[in-house]
Amino acid sequence: MYFNPKEDALMRLTIGGDTRLSSLQSDFNNYFPYLKIEFFKIPHRIGEALAKNLIYDKNKMVRDCRLMKSEGVLEFSNSMTVSDFEDKFQKEFGLSVQVFRRSGNVWLETSATDSWTLEQQNSEGAELSSGL
């Protein structure tokens, strides 16, 4: 399933204690093929990058990573800014997440462009990765 970024439809990630982080990553990547999310052991501030050694292993379950026992559906749209998306994850589910954008064969943290929308980030990733 590839999401057409021109449509501002509501997107959803179902988050439960038994959900693997890799499953959430895959579901998010289905919406935005040039973006990925990583789950971190500590929260970050807007515009702040975190060390890679703070990333949770993608095979961990949500219950092992969250700061609050909350389950449900995270709703978001492609017009949401990266900072709002990351903040929503933290506030609603106690999960510290950062969005990364593909640039060729490299994944870059979007911390310097947290004010961009998810759509802008994905479009930029597509442009930077074209021709590979």
Protein backbone atom coordinates (compact mmCIF):
# COMPACT_ATOMS: atom_id res chain seq x y z
CA MET A 1 0.00 0.00 0.00
CA TYR A 2 1.49 3.33 -1.05
CA PHE A 3 -0.09 6.50 0.24
CA ASN A 4 -0.60 9.31 -2.26
CA PRO A 5 0.91 12.32 -0.46
CA LYS A 6 -1.38 14.74 -2.34
CA GLU A 7 -4.36 13.41 -0.41
CA ASP A 8 -4.69 14.69 3.15
CA ALA A 9 -6.41 11.56 4.41
CA LEU A 10 -6.26 10.49 8.01
CA MET A 11 -3.64 7.81 8.59
CA ARG A 12 -3.51 5.42 11.52
CA LEU A 13 -0.98 3.33 13.41
CA THR A 14 -2.44 0.78 15.82
CA ILE A 15 -0.32 0.64 18.95
CA GLY A 16 -0.64 -2.14 21.51
CA GLY A 17 1.67 -3.56 24.15
CA ASP A 18 2.34 -6.64 22.04
CA THR A 19 3.07 -4.62 18.89
CA ARG A 20 6.65 -4.92 17.66
CA LEU A 21 8.45 -1.67 16.89
CA SER A 22 9.32 -3.14 13.48
CA SER A 23 5.61 -3.47 12.72
CA LEU A 24 5.00 0.22 13.46
CA GLN A 25 8.04 1.11 11.36
CA SER A 26 6.75 -0.94 8.44
CA ASP A 27 3.23 0.49 8.68
CA PHE A 28 4.60 4.06 8.76
CA ASN A 29 6.93 3.33 5.84
CA ASN A 30 3.95 2.09 3.80
CA TYR A 31 2.51 5.61 4.05
CA PHE A 32 5.84 7.36 3.47
CA PRO A 33 8.37 5.24 1.51
CA TYR A 34 11.15 7.82 1.87
CA LEU A 35 10.73 8.21 5.64
CA LYS A 36 11.28 5.91 8.58
CA ILE A 37 10.76 6.16 12.31
CA GLU A 38 13.15 5.05 15.01
CA PHE A 39 12.26 4.60 18.66
CA PHE A 40 14.62 6.09 21.24
CA LYS A 41 15.23 5.31 24.90
CA ILE A 42 14.90 8.96 25.91
CA PRO A 43 12.78 11.84 24.60
CA HIS A 44 14.36 14.63 22.60
CA ARG A 45 13.64 18.32 22.14
CA ILE A 46 12.55 19.81 18.83
CA GLY A 47 15.60 20.27 16.63
CA GLU A 48 17.72 17.97 18.79
CA ALA A 49 19.36 14.83 17.43
CA LEU A 50 20.07 11.82 19.64
CA ALA A 51 22.93 9.33 19.60
CA LYS A 52 22.30 6.19 17.56
CA ASN A 53 23.16 3.98 20.56
CA LEU A 54 19.92 5.21 22.17
CA ILE A 55 17.76 3.56 19.48
CA TYR A 56 15.66 0.62 20.64
CA ASP A 57 16.10 -2.67 18.80
CA LYS A 58 13.29 -2.92 16.23
CA ASN A 59 12.32 -6.39 17.51
CA LYS A 60 11.31 -5.03 20.93
CA MET A 61 7.67 -4.84 21.90
CA VAL A 62 5.96 -1.53 22.63
CA ARG A 63 5.38 -2.61 26.26
CA ASP A 64 9.15 -2.75 26.77
CA CYS A 65 9.74 0.77 25.46
CA ARG A 66 6.85 2.99 26.49
CA LEU A 67 6.80 5.38 29.42
CA MET A 68 3.05 5.05 29.95
CA LYS A 69 0.68 2.13 29.60
CA SER A 70 -1.44 3.46 26.77
CA GLU A 71 -2.78 1.57 23.77
CA GLY A 72 -4.91 2.59 20.84
CA VAL A 73 -4.64 4.26 17.47
CA LEU A 74 -2.33 7.11 16.60
CA GLU A 75 -4.04 9.28 13.98
CA PHE A 76 -2.10 11.70 11.82
CA SER A 77 -2.09 13.26 8.36
CA ASN A 78 0.57 14.08 5.81
CA SER A 79 0.12 17.80 6.56
CA MET A 80 1.22 17.29 10.17
CA THR A 81 4.70 18.61 10.96
CA VAL A 82 7.39 16.18 12.01
CA SER A 83 7.62 17.85 15.43
CA ASP A 84 3.85 17.52 15.96
CA PHE A 85 3.93 13.87 14.86
CA GLU A 86 6.81 13.05 17.22
CA ASP A 87 5.16 15.00 20.05
CA LYS A 88 1.86 13.17 19.54
CA PHE A 89 3.64 9.80 19.80
CA GLN A 90 5.24 10.91 23.07
CA LYS A 91 2.13 12.44 24.66
CA GLU A 92 -0.37 9.74 23.66
CA PHE A 93 1.76 6.60 24.01
CA GLY A 94 4.91 7.50 25.94
CA LEU A 95 7.11 6.54 23.00
CA SER A 96 10.02 8.68 21.93
CA VAL A 97 10.20 8.58 18.15
CA GLN A 98 12.24 10.44 15.56
CA VAL A 99 11.57 10.67 11.85
CA PHE A 100 14.41 9.97 9.41
CA ARG A 101 14.44 10.90 5.71
CA ARG A 102 16.11 8.90 2.98
CA SER A 103 18.83 10.69 1.07
CA GLY A 104 20.20 8.30 -1.52
CA ASN A 105 21.38 5.27 0.45
CA VAL A 106 21.62 7.14 3.76
CA TRP A 107 18.98 7.89 6.41
CA LEU A 108 19.18 11.41 7.89
CA GLU A 109 17.51 12.55 11.07
CA THR A 110 15.03 15.30 10.27
CA SER A 111 15.83 17.21 13.47
CA ALA A 112 16.94 20.32 11.53
CA THR A 113 13.68 20.30 9.55
CA ASP A 114 11.19 19.28 12.25
CA SER A 115 8.92 22.14 11.13
CA TRP A 116 8.39 20.50 7.72
CA THR A 117 5.31 18.40 7.13
CA LEU A 118 5.53 14.65 6.68
CA GLU A 119 4.56 15.20 3.04
CA GLN A 120 7.41 17.71 2.52
CA GLN A 121 9.91 15.33 4.12
CA ASN A 122 8.77 12.40 1.99
CA SER A 123 8.86 14.46 -1.22
CA GLU A 124 12.35 15.69 -0.40
CA GLY A 125 13.46 12.10 0.26
CA ALA A 126 12.02 11.00 -3.08
CA GLU A 127 13.83 13.80 -4.88
CA LEU A 128 17.15 13.11 -3.12
CA SER A 129 16.85 9.38 -3.84
CA SER A 130 15.76 9.51 -7.48
CA GLY A 131 18.06 8.00 -10.02
CA LEU A 132 19.43 5.29 -7.75
